[in-house]
Full PDB file with SEQRES, HELIX, SHEET, SSBOND, CRYST1, ORIGX, SCALE, CONECT and MASTER records, all heavy atoms in Angstrom:
SEQRES   1 A   35  ASP SER VAL THR ILE THR LYS GLY GLN PRO VAL TYR ALA          
SEQRES   2 A   35  PHE SER GLY THR GLY ASP ARG MET THR VAL LYS ARG ALA          
SEQRES   3 A   35  TYR ASN THR SER GLU THR THR SER ALA                          
SHEET    1 AA1 2 VAL A  11  THR A  17  0                                        
SHEET    2 AA1 2 ARG A  20  ARG A  25 -1                                        
CRYST1    1.000    1.000    1.000  90.00  90.00  90.00 P 1           1          
ORIGX1      1.000000  0.000000  0.000000        0.00000                         
ORIGX2      0.000000  1.000000  0.000000        0.00000                         
ORIGX3      0.000000  0.000000  1.000000        0.00000                         
SCALE1      1.000000  0.000000  0.000000        0.00000                         
SCALE2      0.000000  1.000000  0.000000        0.00000                         
SCALE3      0.000000  0.000000  1.000000        0.00000                         
ATOM      1  N   ASP A   1       7.209  -5.581  28.253  1.00  0.00           N  
ATOM      2  CA  ASP A   1       6.682  -5.937  26.930  1.00  0.00           C  
ATOM      3  C   ASP A   1       7.185  -7.330  26.560  1.00  0.00           C  
ATOM      4  O   ASP A   1       8.009  -7.918  27.257  1.00  0.00           O  
ATOM      5  CB  ASP A   1       7.136  -4.897  25.899  1.00  0.00           C  
ATOM      6  CG  ASP A   1       6.127  -4.688  24.778  1.00  0.00           C  
ATOM      7  OD1 ASP A   1       5.451  -5.658  24.389  1.00  0.00           O  
ATOM      8  OD2 ASP A   1       6.023  -3.553  24.285  1.00  0.00           O  
ATOM      9  N   SER A   2       6.712  -7.872  25.449  1.00  0.00           N  
ATOM     10  CA  SER A   2       7.101  -9.208  25.003  1.00  0.00           C  
ATOM     11  C   SER A   2       8.329  -9.192  24.104  1.00  0.00           C  
ATOM     12  O   SER A   2       8.801 -10.252  23.695  1.00  0.00           O  
ATOM     13  CB  SER A   2       5.927  -9.865  24.270  1.00  0.00           C  
ATOM     14  OG  SER A   2       5.566  -9.067  23.153  1.00  0.00           O  
ATOM     15  N   VAL A   3       8.829  -8.001  23.786  1.00  0.00           N  
ATOM     16  CA  VAL A   3      10.003  -7.849  22.920  1.00  0.00           C  
ATOM     17  C   VAL A   3      10.923  -6.777  23.501  1.00  0.00           C  
ATOM     18  O   VAL A   3      10.531  -6.000  24.374  1.00  0.00           O  
ATOM     19  CB  VAL A   3       9.599  -7.441  21.475  1.00  0.00           C  
ATOM     20  CG1 VAL A   3       8.727  -8.495  20.823  1.00  0.00           C  
ATOM     21  CG2 VAL A   3       8.903  -6.093  21.472  1.00  0.00           C  
ATOM     22  N   THR A   4      12.153  -6.732  22.989  1.00  0.00           N  
ATOM     23  CA  THR A   4      13.077  -5.681  23.379  1.00  0.00           C  
ATOM     24  C   THR A   4      12.534  -4.338  22.921  1.00  0.00           C  
ATOM     25  O   THR A   4      12.075  -4.201  21.784  1.00  0.00           O  
ATOM     26  CB  THR A   4      14.475  -5.924  22.762  1.00  0.00           C  
ATOM     27  OG1 THR A   4      15.013  -7.126  23.310  1.00  0.00           O  
ATOM     28  CG2 THR A   4      15.416  -4.760  23.020  1.00  0.00           C  
ATOM     29  N   ILE A   5      12.554  -3.372  23.802  1.00  0.00           N  
ATOM     30  CA  ILE A   5      12.194  -1.995  23.442  1.00  0.00           C  
ATOM     31  C   ILE A   5      13.486  -1.340  22.972  1.00  0.00           C  
ATOM     32  O   ILE A   5      14.490  -1.358  23.693  1.00  0.00           O  
ATOM     33  CB  ILE A   5      11.601  -1.247  24.652  1.00  0.00           C  
ATOM     34  CG1 ILE A   5      10.281  -1.909  25.077  1.00  0.00           C  
ATOM     35  CG2 ILE A   5      11.406   0.235  24.329  1.00  0.00           C  
ATOM     36  CD1 ILE A   5       9.721  -1.397  26.397  1.00  0.00           C  
ATOM     37  N   THR A   6      13.462  -0.801  21.763  1.00  0.00           N  
ATOM     38  CA  THR A   6      14.697  -0.242  21.209  1.00  0.00           C  
ATOM     39  C   THR A   6      14.769   1.268  21.424  1.00  0.00           C  
ATOM     40  O   THR A   6      13.750   1.943  21.585  1.00  0.00           O  
ATOM     41  CB  THR A   6      14.836  -0.568  19.707  1.00  0.00           C  
ATOM     42  OG1 THR A   6      13.720  -0.025  19.004  1.00  0.00           O  
ATOM     43  CG2 THR A   6      14.901  -2.070  19.470  1.00  0.00           C  
ATOM     44  N   LYS A   7      15.985   1.764  21.406  1.00  0.00           N  
ATOM     45  CA  LYS A   7      16.244   3.186  21.637  1.00  0.00           C  
ATOM     46  C   LYS A   7      15.377   4.032  20.706  1.00  0.00           C  
ATOM     47  O   LYS A   7      15.320   3.784  19.505  1.00  0.00           O  
ATOM     48  CB  LYS A   7      17.722   3.501  21.395  1.00  0.00           C  
ATOM     49  CG  LYS A   7      18.067   4.952  21.638  1.00  0.00           C  
ATOM     50  CD  LYS A   7      19.539   5.212  21.453  1.00  0.00           C  
ATOM     51  CE  LYS A   7      19.833   6.678  21.718  1.00  0.00           C  
ATOM     52  NZ  LYS A   7      21.280   6.938  21.609  1.00  0.00           N  
ATOM     53  N   GLY A   8      14.688   5.003  21.297  1.00  0.00           N  
ATOM     54  CA  GLY A   8      13.846   5.924  20.535  1.00  0.00           C  
ATOM     55  C   GLY A   8      12.382   5.520  20.471  1.00  0.00           C  
ATOM     56  O   GLY A   8      11.540   6.331  20.097  1.00  0.00           O  
ATOM     57  N   GLN A   9      12.050   4.288  20.844  1.00  0.00           N  
ATOM     58  CA  GLN A   9      10.645   3.877  20.796  1.00  0.00           C  
ATOM     59  C   GLN A   9       9.867   4.506  21.947  1.00  0.00           C  
ATOM     60  O   GLN A   9      10.337   4.513  23.088  1.00  0.00           O  
ATOM     61  CB  GLN A   9      10.505   2.360  20.867  1.00  0.00           C  
ATOM     62  CG  GLN A   9      10.884   1.657  19.584  1.00  0.00           C  
ATOM     63  CD  GLN A   9      10.537   0.185  19.633  1.00  0.00           C  
ATOM     64  OE1 GLN A   9      10.881  -0.534  20.567  1.00  0.00           O  
ATOM     65  NE2 GLN A   9       9.830  -0.274  18.607  1.00  0.00           N  
ATOM     66  N   PRO A  10       8.660   5.033  21.660  1.00  0.00           N  
ATOM     67  CA  PRO A  10       7.824   5.564  22.739  1.00  0.00           C  
ATOM     68  C   PRO A  10       7.284   4.436  23.608  1.00  0.00           C  
ATOM     69  O   PRO A  10       6.956   3.362  23.105  1.00  0.00           O  
ATOM     70  CB  PRO A  10       6.695   6.287  22.005  1.00  0.00           C  
ATOM     71  CG  PRO A  10       6.717   5.779  20.613  1.00  0.00           C  
ATOM     72  CD  PRO A  10       8.066   5.226  20.342  1.00  0.00           C  
ATOM     73  N   VAL A  11       7.202   4.711  24.914  1.00  0.00           N  
ATOM     74  CA  VAL A  11       6.702   3.721  25.865  1.00  0.00           C  
ATOM     75  C   VAL A  11       5.638   4.348  26.752  1.00  0.00           C  
ATOM     76  O   VAL A  11       5.597   5.563  26.935  1.00  0.00           O  
ATOM     77  CB  VAL A  11       7.837   3.131  26.735  1.00  0.00           C  
ATOM     78  CG1 VAL A  11       8.857   2.396  25.887  1.00  0.00           C  
ATOM     79  CG2 VAL A  11       8.500   4.206  27.578  1.00  0.00           C  
ATOM     80  N   TYR A  12       4.777   3.487  27.295  1.00  0.00           N  
ATOM     81  CA  TYR A  12       3.764   3.958  28.237  1.00  0.00           C  
ATOM     82  C   TYR A  12       3.919   3.235  29.567  1.00  0.00           C  
ATOM     83  O   TYR A  12       4.437   2.119  29.633  1.00  0.00           O  
ATOM     84  CB  TYR A  12       2.350   3.803  27.683  1.00  0.00           C  
ATOM     85  CG  TYR A  12       1.804   2.395  27.608  1.00  0.00           C  
ATOM     86  CD1 TYR A  12       1.001   1.885  28.629  1.00  0.00           C  
ATOM     87  CD2 TYR A  12       2.044   1.582  26.506  1.00  0.00           C  
ATOM     88  CE1 TYR A  12       0.464   0.606  28.559  1.00  0.00           C  
ATOM     89  CE2 TYR A  12       1.516   0.300  26.423  1.00  0.00           C  
ATOM     90  CZ  TYR A  12       0.736  -0.180  27.454  1.00  0.00           C  
ATOM     91  OH  TYR A  12       0.213  -1.449  27.384  1.00  0.00           O  
ATOM     92  N   ALA A  13       3.476   3.897  30.635  1.00  0.00           N  
ATOM     93  CA  ALA A  13       3.513   3.323  31.975  1.00  0.00           C  
ATOM     94  C   ALA A  13       2.490   2.202  32.030  1.00  0.00           C  
ATOM     95  O   ALA A  13       1.293   2.437  31.879  1.00  0.00           O  
ATOM     96  CB  ALA A  13       3.200   4.399  33.010  1.00  0.00           C  
ATOM     97  N   PHE A  14       2.960   0.982  32.236  1.00  0.00           N  
ATOM     98  CA  PHE A  14       2.067  -0.173  32.250  1.00  0.00           C  
ATOM     99  C   PHE A  14       1.675  -0.566  33.668  1.00  0.00           C  
ATOM    100  O   PHE A  14       0.513  -0.730  33.982  1.00  0.00           O  
ATOM    101  CB  PHE A  14       2.725  -1.355  31.532  1.00  0.00           C  
ATOM    102  CG  PHE A  14       1.927  -2.619  31.582  1.00  0.00           C  
ATOM    103  CD1 PHE A  14       0.724  -2.716  30.900  1.00  0.00           C  
ATOM    104  CD2 PHE A  14       2.361  -3.710  32.325  1.00  0.00           C  
ATOM    105  CE1 PHE A  14      -0.030  -3.878  30.952  1.00  0.00           C  
ATOM    106  CE2 PHE A  14       1.613  -4.878  32.379  1.00  0.00           C  
ATOM    107  CZ  PHE A  14       0.424  -4.959  31.692  1.00  0.00           C  
ATOM    108  N   SER A  15       2.653  -0.735  34.532  1.00  0.00           N  
ATOM    109  CA  SER A  15       2.380  -1.183  35.892  1.00  0.00           C  
ATOM    110  C   SER A  15       3.574  -0.820  36.761  1.00  0.00           C  
ATOM    111  O   SER A  15       4.267   0.143  36.476  1.00  0.00           O  
ATOM    112  CB  SER A  15       2.128  -2.703  35.887  1.00  0.00           C  
ATOM    113  OG  SER A  15       1.694  -3.138  37.166  1.00  0.00           O  
ATOM    114  N   GLY A  16       3.806  -1.605  37.791  1.00  0.00           N  
ATOM    115  CA  GLY A  16       4.947  -1.370  38.654  1.00  0.00           C  
ATOM    116  C   GLY A  16       5.439  -2.670  39.241  1.00  0.00           C  
ATOM    117  O   GLY A  16       4.702  -3.650  39.340  1.00  0.00           O  
ATOM    118  N   THR A  17       6.710  -2.687  39.590  1.00  0.00           N  
ATOM    119  CA  THR A  17       7.297  -3.849  40.239  1.00  0.00           C  
ATOM    120  C   THR A  17       8.314  -3.353  41.250  1.00  0.00           C  
ATOM    121  O   THR A  17       9.278  -2.694  40.895  1.00  0.00           O  
ATOM    122  CB  THR A  17       7.947  -4.811  39.226  1.00  0.00           C  
ATOM    123  OG1 THR A  17       8.576  -5.875  39.923  1.00  0.00           O  
ATOM    124  CG2 THR A  17       8.957  -4.150  38.339  1.00  0.00           C  
ATOM    125  N   GLY A  18       8.062  -3.626  42.527  1.00  0.00           N  
ATOM    126  CA  GLY A  18       8.968  -3.119  43.555  1.00  0.00           C  
ATOM    127  C   GLY A  18       8.938  -1.605  43.576  1.00  0.00           C  
ATOM    128  O   GLY A  18       7.893  -1.002  43.736  1.00  0.00           O  
ATOM    129  N   ASP A  19      10.082  -0.988  43.373  1.00  0.00           N  
ATOM    130  CA  ASP A  19      10.156   0.473  43.377  1.00  0.00           C  
ATOM    131  C   ASP A  19      10.298   1.040  41.968  1.00  0.00           C  
ATOM    132  O   ASP A  19      10.718   2.172  41.780  1.00  0.00           O  
ATOM    133  CB  ASP A  19      11.329   0.939  44.248  1.00  0.00           C  
ATOM    134  CG  ASP A  19      12.679   0.503  43.702  1.00  0.00           C  
ATOM    135  OD1 ASP A  19      12.721  -0.358  42.795  1.00  0.00           O  
ATOM    136  OD2 ASP A  19      13.695   1.026  44.189  1.00  0.00           O  
ATOM    137  N   ARG A  20       9.954   0.238  40.961  1.00  0.00           N  
ATOM    138  CA  ARG A  20      10.147   0.665  39.584  1.00  0.00           C  
ATOM    139  C   ARG A  20       8.879   0.494  38.754  1.00  0.00           C  
ATOM    140  O   ARG A  20       8.151  -0.474  38.910  1.00  0.00           O  
ATOM    141  CB  ARG A  20      11.259  -0.181  38.954  1.00  0.00           C  
ATOM    142  CG  ARG A  20      12.210   0.576  38.120  1.00  0.00           C  
ATOM    143  CD  ARG A  20      13.430  -0.230  37.712  1.00  0.00           C  
ATOM    144  NE  ARG A  20      13.614  -1.550  38.267  1.00  0.00           N  
ATOM    145  CZ  ARG A  20      14.090  -1.826  39.482  1.00  0.00           C  
ATOM    146  NH1 ARG A  20      14.429  -0.859  40.284  1.00  0.00           N  
ATOM    147  NH2 ARG A  20      14.214  -3.065  39.888  1.00  0.00           N  
ATOM    148  N   MET A  21       8.678   1.425  37.867  1.00  0.00           N  
ATOM    149  CA  MET A  21       7.567   1.341  36.927  1.00  0.00           C  
ATOM    150  C   MET A  21       7.933   0.346  35.829  1.00  0.00           C  
ATOM    151  O   MET A  21       9.095   0.230  35.449  1.00  0.00           O  
ATOM    152  CB  MET A  21       7.333   2.725  36.308  1.00  0.00           C  
ATOM    153  CG  MET A  21       6.232   2.751  35.305  1.00  0.00           C  
ATOM    154  SD  MET A  21       5.830   4.378  34.629  1.00  0.00           S  
ATOM    155  CE  MET A  21       7.101   5.440  35.191  1.00  0.00           C  
ATOM    156  N   THR A  22       6.917  -0.356  35.319  1.00  0.00           N  
ATOM    157  CA  THR A  22       7.129  -1.195  34.149  1.00  0.00           C  
ATOM    158  C   THR A  22       6.504  -0.487  32.951  1.00  0.00           C  
ATOM    159  O   THR A  22       5.533   0.257  33.087  1.00  0.00           O  
ATOM    160  CB  THR A  22       6.509  -2.592  34.308  1.00  0.00           C  
ATOM    161  OG1 THR A  22       5.105  -2.475  34.455  1.00  0.00           O  
ATOM    162  CG2 THR A  22       7.108  -3.323  35.503  1.00  0.00           C  
ATOM    163  N   VAL A  23       7.096  -0.713  31.785  1.00  0.00           N  
ATOM    164  CA  VAL A  23       6.640  -0.045  30.563  1.00  0.00           C  
ATOM    165  C   VAL A  23       6.456  -1.048  29.436  1.00  0.00           C  
ATOM    166  O   VAL A  23       7.000  -2.146  29.464  1.00  0.00           O  
ATOM    167  CB  VAL A  23       7.639   1.053  30.111  1.00  0.00           C  
ATOM    168  CG1 VAL A  23       7.744   2.165  31.140  1.00  0.00           C  
ATOM    169  CG2 VAL A  23       9.009   0.473  29.786  1.00  0.00           C  
ATOM    170  N   LYS A  24       5.650  -0.630  28.464  1.00  0.00           N  
ATOM    171  CA  LYS A  24       5.475  -1.347  27.207  1.00  0.00           C  
ATOM    172  C   LYS A  24       5.524  -0.318  26.084  1.00  0.00           C  
ATOM    173  O   LYS A  24       5.398   0.891  26.327  1.00  0.00           O  
ATOM    174  CB  LYS A  24       4.124  -2.083  27.171  1.00  0.00           C  
ATOM    175  CG  LYS A  24       4.050  -3.257  28.126  1.00  0.00           C  
ATOM    176  CD  LYS A  24       2.766  -4.036  27.924  1.00  0.00           C  
ATOM    177  CE  LYS A  24       2.766  -5.287  28.795  1.00  0.00           C  
ATOM    178  NZ  LYS A  24       1.617  -6.159  28.481  1.00  0.00           N  
ATOM    179  N   ARG A  25       5.666  -0.790  24.844  1.00  0.00           N  
ATOM    180  CA  ARG A  25       5.687   0.118  23.690  1.00  0.00           C  
ATOM    181  C   ARG A  25       4.321   0.790  23.539  1.00  0.00           C  
ATOM    182  O   ARG A  25       3.290   0.132  23.545  1.00  0.00           O  
ATOM    183  CB  ARG A  25       6.035  -0.649  22.417  1.00  0.00           C  
ATOM    184  CG  ARG A  25       7.463  -1.196  22.401  1.00  0.00           C  
ATOM    185  CD  ARG A  25       7.671  -2.208  21.308  1.00  0.00           C  
ATOM    186  NE  ARG A  25       6.756  -3.329  21.545  1.00  0.00           N  
ATOM    187  CZ  ARG A  25       6.263  -4.107  20.590  1.00  0.00           C  
ATOM    188  NH1 ARG A  25       6.587  -3.901  19.332  1.00  0.00           N  
ATOM    189  NH2 ARG A  25       5.437  -5.095  20.883  1.00  0.00           N  
ATOM    190  N   ALA A  26       4.343   2.109  23.408  1.00  0.00           N  
ATOM    191  CA  ALA A  26       3.112   2.894  23.286  1.00  0.00           C  
ATOM    192  C   ALA A  26       2.651   2.944  21.831  1.00  0.00           C  
ATOM    193  O   ALA A  26       3.462   2.877  20.907  1.00  0.00           O  
ATOM    194  CB  ALA A  26       3.347   4.308  23.809  1.00  0.00           C  
ATOM    195  N   TYR A  27       1.327   3.095  21.648  1.00  0.00           N  
ATOM    196  CA  TYR A  27       0.747   3.331  20.323  1.00  0.00           C  
ATOM    197  C   TYR A  27      -0.607   3.988  20.508  1.00  0.00           C  
ATOM    198  O   TYR A  27      -1.207   3.943  21.576  1.00  0.00           O  
ATOM    199  CB  TYR A  27       0.667   2.055  19.482  1.00  0.00           C  
ATOM    200  CG  TYR A  27       0.013   0.869  20.141  1.00  0.00           C  
ATOM    201  CD1 TYR A  27      -1.297   0.521  19.835  1.00  0.00           C  
ATOM    202  CD2 TYR A  27       0.710   0.093  21.051  1.00  0.00           C  
ATOM    203  CE1 TYR A  27      -1.895  -0.582  20.427  1.00  0.00           C  
ATOM    204  CE2 TYR A  27       0.115  -1.018  21.658  1.00  0.00           C  
ATOM    205  CZ  TYR A  27      -1.186  -1.346  21.341  1.00  0.00           C  
ATOM    206  OH  TYR A  27      -1.780  -2.429  21.938  1.00  0.00           O  
ATOM    207  N   ASN A  28      -1.105   4.635  19.436  1.00  0.00           N  
ATOM    208  CA  ASN A  28      -2.229   5.564  19.573  1.00  0.00           C  
ATOM    209  C   ASN A  28      -3.617   5.004  19.282  1.00  0.00           C  
ATOM    210  O   ASN A  28      -4.564   5.766  19.173  1.00  0.00           O  
ATOM    211  CB  ASN A  28      -1.998   6.808  18.720  1.00  0.00           C  
ATOM    212  CG  ASN A  28      -2.126   6.558  17.231  1.00  0.00           C  
ATOM    213  OD1 ASN A  28      -2.568   5.506  16.779  1.00  0.00           O  
ATOM    214  ND2 ASN A  28      -1.727   7.543  16.439  1.00  0.00           N  
ATOM    215  N   THR A  29      -3.775   3.691  19.194  1.00  0.00           N  
ATOM    216  CA  THR A  29      -5.086   3.166  18.814  1.00  0.00           C  
ATOM    217  C   THR A  29      -6.003   2.891  20.000  1.00  0.00           C  
ATOM    218  O   THR A  29      -7.145   2.493  19.803  1.00  0.00           O  
ATOM    219  CB  THR A  29      -4.954   1.887  17.967  1.00  0.00           C  
ATOM    220  OG1 THR A  29      -4.262   0.901  18.724  1.00  0.00           O  
ATOM    221  CG2 THR A  29      -4.220   2.173  16.659  1.00  0.00           C  
ATOM    222  N   SER A  30      -5.537   3.104  21.228  1.00  0.00           N  
ATOM    223  CA  SER A  30      -6.406   2.935  22.392  1.00  0.00           C  
ATOM    224  C   SER A  30      -5.982   3.898  23.497  1.00  0.00           C  
ATOM    225  O   SER A  30      -4.832   4.336  23.555  1.00  0.00           O  
ATOM    226  CB  SER A  30      -6.370   1.499  22.911  1.00  0.00           C  
ATOM    227  OG  SER A  30      -5.210   1.263  23.679  1.00  0.00           O  
ATOM    228  N   GLU A  31      -6.902   4.187  24.381  1.00  0.00           N  
ATOM    229  CA  GLU A  31      -6.618   5.050  25.533  1.00  0.00           C  
ATOM    230  C   GLU A  31      -5.569   4.400  26.432  1.00  0.00           C  
ATOM    231  O   GLU A  31      -4.658   5.059  26.923  1.00  0.00           O  
ATOM    232  CB  GLU A  31      -7.923   5.314  26.302  1.00  0.00           C  
ATOM    233  CG  GLU A  31      -7.772   6.200  27.496  1.00  0.00           C  
ATOM    234  CD  GLU A  31      -7.575   7.673  27.180  1.00  0.00           C  
ATOM    235  OE1 GLU A  31      -7.535   8.060  26.004  1.00  0.00           O  
ATOM    236  OE2 GLU A  31      -7.446   8.443  28.144  1.00  0.00           O  
ATOM    237  N   THR A  32      -5.670   3.091  26.637  1.00  0.00           N  
ATOM    238  CA  THR A  32      -4.757   2.373  27.520  1.00  0.00           C  
ATOM    239  C   THR A  32      -3.310   2.499  27.069  1.00  0.00           C  
ATOM    240  O   THR A  32      -2.420   2.681  27.895  1.00  0.00           O  
ATOM    241  CB  THR A  32      -5.148   0.885  27.581  1.00  0.00           C  
ATOM    242  OG1 THR A  32      -6.486   0.786  28.050  1.00  0.00           O  
ATOM    243  CG2 THR A  32      -4.233   0.097  28.490  1.00  0.00           C  
ATOM    244  N   THR A  33      -3.059   2.401  25.779  1.00  0.00           N  
ATOM    245  CA  THR A  33      -1.682   2.375  25.274  1.00  0.00           C  
ATOM    246  C   THR A  33      -1.160   3.751  24.866  1.00  0.00           C  
ATOM    247  O   THR A  33      -0.045   3.852  24.375  1.00  0.00           O  
ATOM    248  CB  THR A  33      -1.576   1.429  24.065  1.00  0.00           C  
ATOM    249  OG1 THR A  33      -2.449   1.902  23.033  1.00  0.00           O  
ATOM    250  CG2 THR A  33      -1.943   0.007  24.450  1.00  0.00           C  
ATOM    251  N   SER A  34      -1.972   4.792  25.089  1.00  0.00           N  
ATOM    252  CA  SER A  34      -1.524   6.126  24.696  1.00  0.00           C  
ATOM    253  C   SER A  34      -1.564   7.154  25.827  1.00  0.00           C  
ATOM    254  O   SER A  34      -0.680   7.998  25.934  1.00  0.00           O  
ATOM    255  CB  SER A  34      -2.345   6.646  23.516  1.00  0.00           C  
ATOM    256  OG  SER A  34      -3.699   6.848  23.888  1.00  0.00           O  
ATOM    257  N   ALA A  35      -2.575   7.095  26.682  1.00  0.00           N  
ATOM    258  CA  ALA A  35      -2.780   8.144  27.689  1.00  0.00           C  
ATOM    259  C   ALA A  35      -1.638   8.246  28.687  1.00  0.00           C  
ATOM    260  O   ALA A  35      -1.347   9.326  29.184  1.00  0.00           O  
ATOM    261  CB  ALA A  35      -4.094   7.920  28.436  1.00  0.00           C  
TER     262      ALA A  35                                                      
MASTER        0    0    0    0    2    0    0    6  261    1    0    3          
END                                                                             
């Protein structure tokens, strides 16, 4: 994500890098950011 993700914030699986998934802050206004 473009900002620090703080403890307790929901996140969604965005992509991957090496052997690790990358995440961004989740929100419910689109399928991409919620599913």
